[in-house]
PDB file of N, CA and C in Angstrom:
ATOM      1  N   MET A   1       3.852  -9.701 197.057  1.00  0.00           N
ATOM      2  CA  MET A   1       4.483  -8.783 196.155  1.00  0.00           C
ATOM      3  C   MET A   1       4.603  -7.810 196.456  1.00  0.00           C
ATOM      4  N   SER A   2       6.117  -6.827 196.035  1.00  0.00           N
ATOM      5  CA  SER A   2       6.258  -5.961 196.937  1.00  0.00           C
ATOM      6  C   SER A   2       5.510  -4.515 196.118  1.00  0.00           C
ATOM      7  N   TYR A   3       6.085  -3.733 197.153  1.00  0.00           N
ATOM      8  CA  TYR A   3       5.479  -2.422 196.468  1.00  0.00           C
ATOM      9  C   TYR A   3       5.997  -1.775 194.469  1.00  0.00           C
ATOM     10  N   THR A   4       7.688  -1.872 195.408  1.00  0.00           N
ATOM     11  CA  THR A   4       8.127  -1.816 193.787  1.00  0.00           C
ATOM     12  C   THR A   4       7.984  -3.054 192.520  1.00  0.00           C
ATOM     13  N   ARG A   5       7.823  -4.096 192.926  1.00  0.00           N
ATOM     14  CA  ARG A   5       7.132  -5.191 192.085  1.00  0.00           C
ATOM     15  C   ARG A   5       5.978  -4.602 190.949  1.00  0.00           C
ATOM     16  N   ILE A   6       4.924  -4.215 191.966  1.00  0.00           N
ATOM     17  CA  ILE A   6       3.949  -3.977 191.664  1.00  0.00           C
ATOM     18  C   ILE A   6       3.697  -2.984 190.842  1.00  0.00           C
ATOM     19  N   SER A   7       4.291  -1.666 191.348  1.00  0.00           N
ATOM     20  CA  SER A   7       4.576  -0.445 190.720  1.00  0.00           C
ATOM     21  C   SER A   7       5.297  -0.788 189.015  1.00  0.00           C
ATOM     22  N   ARG A   8       6.177  -1.599 188.615  1.00  0.00           N
ATOM     23  CA  ARG A   8       7.037  -1.781 187.445  1.00  0.00           C
ATOM     24  C   ARG A   8       6.087  -3.117 186.499  1.00  0.00           C
ATOM     25  N   LEU A   9       5.452  -3.584 187.333  1.00  0.00           N
ATOM     26  CA  LEU A   9       4.737  -4.483 186.436  1.00  0.00           C
ATOM     27  C   LEU A   9       3.054  -4.044 185.477  1.00  0.00           C
ATOM     28  N   THR A  10       2.678  -2.592 186.697  1.00  0.00           N
ATOM     29  CA  THR A  10       2.128  -1.442 186.191  1.00  0.00           C
ATOM     30  C   THR A  10       2.770  -1.313 185.536  1.00  0.00           C
ATOM     31  N   LEU A  11       3.714  -0.711 185.815  1.00  0.00           N
ATOM     32  CA  LEU A  11       4.351   0.246 183.758  1.00  0.00           C
ATOM     33  C   LEU A  11       4.497   0.331 183.098  1.00  0.00           C
ATOM     34  N   ALA A  12       4.794  -1.373 182.856  1.00  0.00           N
ATOM     35  CA  ALA A  12       5.254  -2.471 182.084  1.00  0.00           C
ATOM     36  C   ALA A  12       3.901  -3.026 181.349  1.00  0.00           C
ATOM     37  N   LEU A  13       3.038  -3.193 182.216  1.00  0.00           N
ATOM     38  CA  LEU A  13       2.245  -2.748 181.378  1.00  0.00           C
ATOM     39  C   LEU A  13       1.128  -1.664 180.881  1.00  0.00           C
ATOM     40  N   GLY A  14       1.111  -0.972 181.293  1.00  0.00           N
ATOM     41  CA  GLY A  14       0.496   0.636 180.779  1.00  0.00           C
ATOM     42  C   GLY A  14       1.070   0.708 179.404  1.00  0.00           C
ATOM     43  N   ALA A  15       2.348   0.833 179.423  1.00  0.00           N
ATOM     44  CA  ALA A  15       3.700   1.005 178.459  1.00  0.00           C
ATOM     45  C   ALA A  15       3.058   0.119 177.103  1.00  0.00           C
ATOM     46  N   ALA A  16       3.030  -1.128 177.202  1.00  0.00           N
ATOM     47  CA  ALA A  16       2.297  -2.377 176.799  1.00  0.00           C
ATOM     48  C   ALA A  16       1.106  -1.860 175.430  1.00  0.00           C
ATOM     49  N   VAL A  17       0.142  -1.365 176.734  1.00  0.00           N
ATOM     50  CA  VAL A  17      -1.256  -1.016 175.977  1.00  0.00           C
ATOM     51  C   VAL A  17      -1.435   0.349 175.069  1.00  0.00           C
ATOM     52  N   ILE A  18      -0.143   1.444 175.329  1.00  0.00           N
ATOM     53  CA  ILE A  18       0.430   2.870 174.961  1.00  0.00           C
ATOM     54  C   ILE A  18       0.754   2.140 174.072  1.00  0.00           C
ATOM     55  N   LEU A  19       1.811   1.307 173.362  1.00  0.00           N
ATOM     56  CA  LEU A  19       2.604   1.045 171.886  1.00  0.00           C
ATOM     57  C   LEU A  19       1.514  -0.128 171.711  1.00  0.00           C
ATOM     58  N   LEU A  20       0.818  -1.164 171.811  1.00  0.00           N
ATOM     59  CA  LEU A  20       0.128  -1.144 171.229  1.00  0.00           C
ATOM     60  C   LEU A  20      -1.358  -0.390 170.292  1.00  0.00           C
ATOM     61  N   SER A  21      -1.756   0.591 171.003  1.00  0.00           N
ATOM     62  CA  SER A  21      -2.845   1.125 170.848  1.00  0.00           C
ATOM     63  C   SER A  21      -2.525   2.503 169.785  1.00  0.00           C
ATOM     64  N   GLU A  22      -0.988   2.607 169.370  1.00  0.00           N
ATOM     65  CA  GLU A  22      -0.581   3.482 168.642  1.00  0.00           C
ATOM     66  C   GLU A  22      -0.252   2.525 166.943  1.00  0.00           C
ATOM     67  N   ALA A  23      -0.069   1.344 167.349  1.00  0.00           N
ATOM     68  CA  ALA A  23      -0.243   0.846 166.714  1.00  0.00           C
ATOM     69  C   ALA A  23      -0.917   0.188 165.100  1.00  0.00           C
ATOM     70  N   ILE A  24      -2.767  -0.088 166.514  1.00  0.00           N
ATOM     71  CA  ILE A  24      -3.727   0.199 165.745  1.00  0.00           C
ATOM     72  C   ILE A  24      -3.712   1.119 165.222  1.00  0.00           C
ATOM     73  N   TYR A  25      -3.797   2.457 165.499  1.00  0.00           N
ATOM     74  CA  TYR A  25      -4.212   3.810 165.420  1.00  0.00           C
ATOM     75  C   TYR A  25      -3.732   4.202 164.133  1.00  0.00           C
ATOM     76  N   SER A  26      -2.572   4.043 164.181  1.00  0.00           N
ATOM     77  CA  SER A  26      -1.408   4.456 162.678  1.00  0.00           C
ATOM     78  C   SER A  26      -1.371   3.508 161.699  1.00  0.00           C
ATOM     79  N   GLN A  27      -2.624   2.825 161.458  1.00  0.00           N
ATOM     80  CA  GLN A  27      -2.848   1.537 160.042  1.00  0.00           C
ATOM     81  C   GLN A  27      -3.414   2.187 159.145  1.00  0.00           C
ATOM     82  N   HIS A  28      -2.588   2.214 157.839  1.00  0.00           N
ATOM     83  CA  HIS A  28      -2.992   3.389 156.027  1.00  0.00           C
ATOM     84  C   HIS A  28      -4.582   3.172 156.660  1.00  0.00           C
ATOM     85  N   VAL A  29      -5.303   4.292 156.034  1.00  0.00           N
ATOM     86  CA  VAL A  29      -7.014   4.000 155.825  1.00  0.00           C
ATOM     87  C   VAL A  29      -7.211   4.601 154.239  1.00  0.00           C
ATOM     88  N   ASP A  30      -7.614   3.703 153.604  1.00  0.00           N
ATOM     89  CA  ASP A  30      -8.052   3.990 151.956  1.00  0.00           C
ATOM     90  C   ASP A  30      -8.669   4.311 151.861  1.00  0.00           C
ATOM     91  N   TYR A  31      -9.922   5.687 152.654  1.00  0.00           N
ATOM     92  CA  TYR A  31     -10.895   6.267 152.147  1.00  0.00           C
ATOM     93  C   TYR A  31     -10.056   7.389 151.237  1.00  0.00           C
ATOM     94  N   GLN A  32     -11.077   7.533 150.546  1.00  0.00           N
ATOM     95  CA  GLN A  32     -11.187   9.158 149.787  1.00  0.00           C
ATOM     96  C   GLN A  32     -12.162   9.792 149.670  1.00  0.00           C
ATOM     97  N   THR A  33     -11.506  11.165 149.976  1.00  0.00           N
ATOM     98  CA  THR A  33     -12.191  12.673 149.801  1.00  0.00           C
ATOM     99  C   THR A  33     -13.008  13.234 147.724  1.00  0.00           C
ATOM    100  N   ILE A  34     -14.247  13.112 147.978  1.00  0.00           N
ATOM    101  CA  ILE A  34     -15.550  13.484 147.043  1.00  0.00           C
ATOM    102  C   ILE A  34     -15.515  14.686 147.012  1.00  0.00           C
ATOM    103  N   GLU A  35     -14.586  15.511 146.310  1.00  0.00           N
ATOM    104  CA  GLU A  35     -15.460  16.556 146.070  1.00  0.00           C
ATOM    105  C   GLU A  35     -16.970  17.005 146.138  1.00  0.00           C
ATOM    106  N   ASN A  36     -18.066  17.957 146.543  1.00  0.00           N
ATOM    107  CA  ASN A  36     -19.662  18.411 145.936  1.00  0.00           C
ATOM    108  C   ASN A  36     -20.448  17.007 145.365  1.00  0.00           C
ATOM    109  N   TRP A  37     -20.226  15.614 146.122  1.00  0.00           N
ATOM    110  CA  TRP A  37     -20.496  14.338 146.345  1.00  0.00           C
ATOM    111  C   TRP A  37     -22.094  14.761 146.515  1.00  0.00           C
ATOM    112  N   PHE A  38     -21.923  14.955 147.881  1.00  0.00           N
ATOM    113  CA  PHE A  38     -23.602  15.589 148.729  1.00  0.00           C
ATOM    114  C   PHE A  38     -23.638  16.850 148.365  1.00  0.00           C
ATOM    115  N   LYS A  39     -25.046  16.544 147.164  1.00  0.00           N
ATOM    116  CA  LYS A  39     -25.716  17.975 146.620  1.00  0.00           C
ATOM    117  C   LYS A  39     -27.091  18.395 147.170  1.00  0.00           C
ATOM    118  N   LEU A  40     -26.991  19.044 147.956  1.00  0.00           N
ATOM    119  CA  LEU A  40     -28.876  18.570 148.387  1.00  0.00           C
ATOM    120  C   LEU A  40     -29.717  19.587 147.634  1.00  0.00           C
ATOM    121  N   PRO A  41     -30.850  19.325 147.287  1.00  0.00           N
ATOM    122  CA  PRO A  41     -32.079  20.197 147.021  1.00  0.00           C
ATOM    123  C   PRO A  41     -31.798  21.455 146.837  1.00  0.00           C
ATOM    124  N   GLU A  42     -32.484  22.216 145.877  1.00  0.00           N
ATOM    125  CA  GLU A  42     -31.924  23.567 145.653  1.00  0.00           C
ATOM    126  C   GLU A  42     -32.442  24.538 147.013  1.00  0.00           C
ATOM    127  N   GLY A  43     -32.367  25.221 148.303  1.00  0.00           N
ATOM    128  CA  GLY A  43     -32.316  26.187 148.876  1.00  0.00           C
ATOM    129  C   GLY A  43     -32.725  25.564 149.900  1.00  0.00           C
ATOM    130  N   ARG A  44     -32.619  24.379 149.974  1.00  0.00           N
ATOM    131  CA  ARG A  44     -32.366  23.121 151.300  1.00  0.00           C
ATOM    132  C   ARG A  44     -31.061  23.250 151.889  1.00  0.00           C
ATOM    133  N   LYS A  45     -31.298  23.170 153.311  1.00  0.00           N
ATOM    134  CA  LYS A  45     -30.095  23.355 153.971  1.00  0.00           C
ATOM    135  C   LYS A  45     -29.991  21.578 154.889  1.00  0.00           C
ATOM    136  N   ILE A  46     -28.679  21.506 155.464  1.00  0.00           N
ATOM    137  CA  ILE A  46     -29.013  19.961 156.429  1.00  0.00           C
ATOM    138  C   ILE A  46     -29.605  20.092 157.572  1.00  0.00           C
ATOM    139  N   GLY A  47     -30.544  19.666 158.102  1.00  0.00           N
ATOM    140  CA  GLY A  47     -30.427  20.228 159.436  1.00  0.00           C
ATOM    141  C   GLY A  47     -30.329  18.929 160.636  1.00  0.00           C
ATOM    142  N   SER A  48     -30.525  18.420 162.097  1.00  0.00           N
ATOM    143  CA  SER A  48     -30.203  17.648 162.743  1.00  0.00           C
ATOM    144  C   SER A  48     -30.614  16.310 161.882  1.00  0.00           C
ATOM    145  N   THR A  49     -29.294  15.678 161.551  1.00  0.00           N
ATOM    146  CA  THR A  49     -28.977  14.286 160.936  1.00  0.00           C
ATOM    147  C   THR A  49     -29.764  13.539 161.824  1.00  0.00           C
ATOM    148  N   ALA A  50     -31.202  12.420 161.343  1.00  0.00           N
ATOM    149  CA  ALA A  50     -31.321  11.336 163.133  1.00  0.00           C
ATOM    150  C   ALA A  50     -30.476   9.758 162.468  1.00  0.00           C
ATOM    151  N   GLY A  51     -30.507   9.767 161.640  1.00  0.00           N
ATOM    152  CA  GLY A  51     -30.306   8.710 160.328  1.00  0.00           C
ATOM    153  C   GLY A  51     -29.305   8.690 158.938  1.00  0.00           C
ATOM    154  N   ILE A  52     -28.399   7.456 158.659  1.00  0.00           N
ATOM    155  CA  ILE A  52     -27.677   7.123 157.659  1.00  0.00           C
ATOM    156  C   ILE A  52     -27.789   6.162 157.877  1.00  0.00           C
ATOM    157  N   THR A  53     -27.779   5.839 155.998  1.00  0.00           N
ATOM    158  CA  THR A  53     -27.964   4.493 156.280  1.00  0.00           C
ATOM    159  C   THR A  53     -27.370   4.029 154.224  1.00  0.00           C
ATOM    160  N   VAL A  54     -26.431   3.407 153.875  1.00  0.00           N
ATOM    161  CA  VAL A  54     -26.247   2.921 152.630  1.00  0.00           C
ATOM    162  C   VAL A  54     -27.155   1.769 151.667  1.00  0.00           C
ATOM    163  N   ASP A  55     -27.470   2.298 150.545  1.00  0.00           N
ATOM    164  CA  ASP A  55     -28.712   1.519 150.195  1.00  0.00           C
ATOM    165  C   ASP A  55     -28.007   0.144 149.450  1.00  0.00           C
ATOM    166  N   ARG A  56     -29.450  -0.899 149.387  1.00  0.00           N
ATOM    167  CA  ARG A  56     -28.794  -2.278 148.517  1.00  0.00           C
ATOM    168  C   ARG A  56     -27.610  -2.017 147.229  1.00  0.00           C
ATOM    169  N   ASP A  57     -27.706  -1.217 146.985  1.00  0.00           N
ATOM    170  CA  ASP A  57     -26.959  -0.697 145.161  1.00  0.00           C
ATOM    171  C   ASP A  57     -25.122  -0.709 145.941  1.00  0.00           C
ATOM    172  N   GLY A  58     -25.013  -0.351 147.127  1.00  0.00           N
ATOM    173  CA  GLY A  58     -23.748  -0.078 147.482  1.00  0.00           C
ATOM    174  C   GLY A  58     -23.296   0.795 147.416  1.00  0.00           C
ATOM    175  N   THR A  59     -23.958   2.234 146.473  1.00  0.00           N
ATOM    176  CA  THR A  59     -23.214   3.083 145.722  1.00  0.00           C
ATOM    177  C   THR A  59     -24.217   5.420 146.422  1.00  0.00           C
ATOM    178  N   SER A  60     -25.470   4.538 146.493  1.00  0.00           N
ATOM    179  CA  SER A  60     -26.654   5.406 147.515  1.00  0.00           C
ATOM    180  C   SER A  60     -26.094   5.446 148.605  1.00  0.00           C
ATOM    181  N   VAL A  61     -26.892   6.471 148.710  1.00  0.00           N
ATOM    182  CA  VAL A  61     -27.000   7.183 150.570  1.00  0.00           C
ATOM    183  C   VAL A  61     -28.018   7.642 150.818  1.00  0.00           C
ATOM    184  N   TRP A  62     -28.670   7.050 151.949  1.00  0.00           N
ATOM    185  CA  TRP A  62     -30.149   7.256 152.590  1.00  0.00           C
ATOM    186  C   TRP A  62     -30.315   8.446 153.621  1.00  0.00           C
ATOM    187  N   THR A  63     -31.174   9.316 153.908  1.00  0.00           N
ATOM    188  CA  THR A  63     -30.771   9.961 155.465  1.00  0.00           C
ATOM    189  C   THR A  63     -31.579  10.103 155.566  1.00  0.00           C
ATOM    190  N   PHE A  64     -32.249  10.407 156.928  1.00  0.00           N
ATOM    191  CA  PHE A  64     -33.102  11.034 157.263  1.00  0.00           C
ATOM    192  C   PHE A  64     -32.785  12.058 158.491  1.00  0.00           C
ATOM    193  N   ASP A  65     -32.955  12.943 157.694  1.00  0.00           N
ATOM    194  CA  ASP A  65     -32.937  14.703 158.386  1.00  0.00           C
ATOM    195  C   ASP A  65     -34.052  15.692 159.167  1.00  0.00           C
ATOM    196  N   ARG A  66     -33.823  16.116 160.214  1.00  0.00           N
ATOM    197  CA  ARG A  66     -34.905  17.134 160.490  1.00  0.00           C
ATOM    198  C   ARG A  66     -35.440  18.291 160.027  1.00  0.00           C
ATOM    199  N   CYS A  67     -35.725  17.423 158.652  1.00  0.00           N
ATOM    200  CA  CYS A  67     -35.833  19.437 157.637  1.00  0.00           C
ATOM    201  C   CYS A  67     -35.458  20.423 157.679  1.00  0.00           C
ATOM    202  N   GLY A  68     -33.635  20.422 158.342  1.00  0.00           N
ATOM    203  CA  GLY A  68     -33.257  21.558 158.134  1.00  0.00           C
ATOM    204  C   GLY A  68     -33.110  22.319 159.411  1.00  0.00           C
ATOM    205  N   GLY A  69     -33.592  21.339 160.374  1.00  0.00           N
ATOM    206  CA  GLY A  69     -33.212  22.285 161.636  1.00  0.00           C
ATOM    207  C   GLY A  69     -33.602  21.211 162.350  1.00  0.00           C
ATOM    208  N   GLN A  70     -34.557  21.513 163.966  1.00  0.00           N
ATOM    209  CA  GLN A  70     -34.408  20.065 165.321  1.00  0.00           C
ATOM    210  C   GLN A  70     -35.547  19.275 164.677  1.00  0.00           C
ATOM    211  N   TYR A  71     -36.105  19.446 164.486  1.00  0.00           N
ATOM    212  CA  TYR A  71     -37.568  19.114 164.070  1.00  0.00           C
ATOM    213  C   TYR A  71     -38.519  19.391 163.119  1.00  0.00           C
ATOM    214  N   CYS A  72     -39.698  18.207 162.357  1.00  0.00           N
ATOM    215  CA  CYS A  72     -40.171  18.761 161.073  1.00  0.00           C
ATOM    216  C   CYS A  72     -41.730  19.097 161.682  1.00  0.00           C
ATOM    217  N   ALA A  73     -41.981  19.468 162.535  1.00  0.00           N
ATOM    218  CA  ALA A  73     -43.277  20.107 162.602  1.00  0.00           C
ATOM    219  C   ALA A  73     -43.903  21.560 162.402  1.00  0.00           C
ATOM    220  N   GLY A  74     -44.503  21.395 161.571  1.00  0.00           N
ATOM    221  CA  GLY A  74     -44.880  22.657 160.440  1.00  0.00           C
ATOM    222  C   GLY A  74     -44.625  22.924 159.482  1.00  0.00           C
ATOM    223  N   SER A  75     -42.965  21.914 158.886  1.00  0.00           N
ATOM    224  CA  SER A  75     -42.342  21.912 158.006  1.00  0.00           C
ATOM    225  C   SER A  75     -42.660  20.927 156.418  1.00  0.00           C
ATOM    226  N   ASN A  76     -42.848  21.613 155.555  1.00  0.00           N
ATOM    227  CA  ASN A  76     -43.411  20.856 154.070  1.00  0.00           C
ATOM    228  C   ASN A  76     -42.117  20.047 153.307  1.00  0.00           C
ATOM    229  N   LEU A  77     -40.763  20.316 154.247  1.00  0.00           N
ATOM    230  CA  LEU A  77     -39.757  19.693 153.586  1.00  0.00           C
ATOM    231  C   LEU A  77     -40.362  17.651 153.694  1.00  0.00           C
ATOM    232  N   THR A  78     -39.381  17.015 152.486  1.00  0.00           N
ATOM    233  CA  THR A  78     -39.593  15.527 153.444  1.00  0.00           C
ATOM    234  C   THR A  78     -38.009  15.333 153.955  1.00  0.00           C
ATOM    235  N   PRO A  79     -38.151  14.497 154.914  1.00  0.00           N
ATOM    236  CA  PRO A  79     -36.977  14.001 155.698  1.00  0.00           C
ATOM    237  C   PRO A  79     -36.085  13.267 155.421  1.00  0.00           C
ATOM    238  N   ILE A  80     -36.781  12.719 154.438  1.00  0.00           N
ATOM    239  CA  ILE A  80     -35.799  11.342 153.881  1.00  0.00           C
ATOM    240  C   ILE A  80     -35.522  11.407 152.627  1.00  0.00           C
ATOM    241  N   MET A  81     -33.995  11.543 152.393  1.00  0.00           N
ATOM    242  CA  MET A  81     -33.536  11.756 150.858  1.00  0.00           C
ATOM    243  C   MET A  81     -32.743  11.152 150.618  1.00  0.00           C
ATOM    244  N   LYS A  82     -32.561  11.055 149.372  1.00  0.00           N
ATOM    245  CA  LYS A  82     -31.844   9.833 149.309  1.00  0.00           C
ATOM    246  C   LYS A  82     -30.292  10.125 148.020  1.00  0.00           C
ATOM    247  N   PHE A  83     -29.256  10.383 148.121  1.00  0.00           N
ATOM    248  CA  PHE A  83     -28.051  10.867 147.531  1.00  0.00           C
ATOM    249  C   PHE A  83     -27.115   9.877 146.495  1.00  0.00           C
TER     250      PHE A  83
END
């Protein structure tokens, strides 16, 4: 293959990838924002969250939070919360 032919093929493949990826990312998303859904206990702030999972009921969310900071050492706060 000549250099010109390889260049054209590379350009065509690059254009195809760009066009296909744009179509994938331009799809409609059905997510909705629910204002003030995430309410922390009084006086509690969110720290570094180590894990999040949805409960079996499909509506509750469990979080594993590092007690309002980077770690729970010396804290009386529970690291697991259900919302």
